[in-house]
Amino acid sequence: MEFIPTGAMDIPLSQQAIIYNGELFNQELNEVTKLIYQWIFLIVKIGVKSKQLIKMEKLLSAIHTDIQKRWSVEDMAVWMQCSEQYLRRLFMKYTGKTPKEYYLDARLG
């Protein structure tokens, strides 16, 4: 499964779906679900999205959109216009992972 966020979209929560290759799909769906719940939790916790969170979401979207690119922590920090140390703190705060861990998980997913 590949999930590439390209903008706001409606999620048909009440729509039924038939899923084949169940076990693999369930594993991938669990990862996507965790990510969505993290985002929802952060939005609820923070209330209004901070500029920092919005920029972080855009970086995560850029990473997933261009997953074949070999993103380094330095590339991400340049993209965010911040230091690598600050970027690491942001990743831990918003994803619970280091930038490298997040990127590797995204590539494997």
Protein backbone atom coordinates (compact mmCIF):
# COMPACT_ATOMS: atom_id res chain seq x y z
CA MET A 1 0.00 0.00 0.00
CA GLU A 2 1.27 3.45 -0.80
CA PHE A 3 -0.27 6.49 0.87
CA ILE A 4 0.82 9.81 -0.57
CA PRO A 5 -0.88 12.82 0.98
CA THR A 6 -1.51 15.39 -1.74
CA GLY A 7 -3.91 17.65 0.10
CA ALA A 8 -7.20 17.58 1.94
CA MET A 9 -9.49 14.72 1.06
CA ASP A 10 -12.66 13.14 2.36
CA ILE A 11 -12.26 9.75 3.98
CA PRO A 12 -15.36 7.58 3.41
CA LEU A 13 -15.52 6.11 6.92
CA SER A 14 -18.83 4.31 6.42
CA GLN A 15 -17.94 2.82 3.03
CA GLN A 16 -17.43 -0.94 2.99
CA ALA A 17 -14.40 -2.40 1.26
CA ILE A 18 -13.26 -5.89 0.31
CA ILE A 19 -9.62 -6.48 1.13
CA TYR A 20 -7.50 -9.19 -0.43
CA ASN A 21 -4.06 -10.29 0.82
CA GLY A 22 -5.34 -9.57 4.31
CA GLU A 23 -2.28 -10.01 6.55
CA LEU A 24 0.05 -7.77 4.56
CA PHE A 25 -2.67 -5.20 4.10
CA ASN A 26 -3.46 -5.21 7.83
CA GLN A 27 0.19 -4.59 8.72
CA GLU A 28 0.43 -1.67 6.30
CA LEU A 29 -2.94 -0.31 7.38
CA ASN A 30 -1.86 -0.41 11.02
CA GLU A 31 1.16 1.77 10.20
CA VAL A 32 -0.95 4.27 8.27
CA THR A 33 -3.55 4.28 11.03
CA LYS A 34 -0.89 4.99 13.67
CA LEU A 35 0.36 7.93 11.63
CA ILE A 36 -3.15 9.34 11.18
CA TYR A 37 -3.90 8.96 14.88
CA GLN A 38 -0.61 10.73 15.73
CA TRP A 39 -1.62 13.64 13.53
CA ILE A 40 -5.14 13.78 14.98
CA PHE A 41 -3.79 13.57 18.53
CA LEU A 42 -1.39 16.43 17.87
CA ILE A 43 -4.11 18.60 16.36
CA VAL A 44 -6.45 17.94 19.29
CA LYS A 45 -3.66 18.41 21.82
CA ILE A 46 -2.44 21.64 20.30
CA GLY A 47 -5.83 22.95 19.21
CA VAL A 48 -4.75 25.20 16.40
CA LYS A 49 -1.84 24.02 14.33
CA SER A 50 1.32 25.95 14.98
CA LYS A 51 3.42 27.22 12.09
CA GLN A 52 6.03 24.71 13.23
CA LEU A 53 3.58 21.79 12.90
CA ILE A 54 2.32 22.99 9.51
CA LYS A 55 5.88 23.21 8.20
CA MET A 56 6.65 19.77 9.65
CA GLU A 57 3.58 18.28 7.94
CA LYS A 58 4.73 19.79 4.65
CA LEU A 59 8.16 18.21 5.10
CA LEU A 60 6.59 14.81 5.86
CA SER A 61 4.42 15.19 2.77
CA ALA A 62 7.50 16.09 0.67
CA ILE A 63 9.32 13.03 1.99
CA HIS A 64 6.41 10.73 1.12
CA THR A 65 5.85 12.39 -2.26
CA ASP A 66 9.50 12.01 -3.26
CA ILE A 67 10.26 8.79 -1.36
CA GLN A 68 12.87 7.67 -3.92
CA LYS A 69 15.01 10.70 -3.08
CA ARG A 70 17.74 9.88 -0.59
CA TRP A 71 16.74 12.33 2.15
CA SER A 72 19.49 13.03 4.65
CA VAL A 73 18.97 14.77 7.98
CA GLU A 74 20.91 17.68 6.51
CA ASP A 75 18.54 17.83 3.49
CA MET A 76 15.54 17.87 5.81
CA ALA A 77 17.05 20.61 7.99
CA VAL A 78 17.80 22.73 4.93
CA TRP A 79 14.22 22.18 3.71
CA MET A 80 12.90 23.25 7.14
CA GLN A 81 15.40 26.12 7.37
CA CYS A 82 16.59 25.02 10.80
CA SER A 83 19.52 23.26 12.43
CA GLU A 84 19.81 19.48 12.42
CA GLN A 85 19.59 19.43 16.21
CA TYR A 86 16.35 21.43 16.17
CA LEU A 87 14.97 19.18 13.42
CA ARG A 88 15.66 16.10 15.56
CA ARG A 89 13.70 17.67 18.43
CA LEU A 90 10.78 18.44 16.09
CA PHE A 91 10.71 14.89 14.76
CA MET A 92 10.73 13.42 18.26
CA LYS A 93 7.98 15.82 19.33
CA TYR A 94 5.69 15.22 16.34
CA THR A 95 6.45 11.65 15.24
CA GLY A 96 8.17 10.00 18.19
CA LYS A 97 11.03 9.05 15.87
CA THR A 98 14.32 10.53 14.75
CA PRO A 99 14.38 11.94 11.20
CA LYS A 100 16.43 8.96 10.01
CA GLU A 101 14.09 6.42 11.65
CA TYR A 102 11.06 8.15 10.14
CA TYR A 103 12.62 8.26 6.67
CA LEU A 104 13.68 4.61 6.77
CA ASP A 105 10.23 3.51 7.97
CA ALA A 106 8.63 5.55 5.18
CA ARG A 107 10.89 3.92 2.55
CA LEU A 108 10.16 0.43 3.89
CA GLY A 109 6.43 1.09 4.05
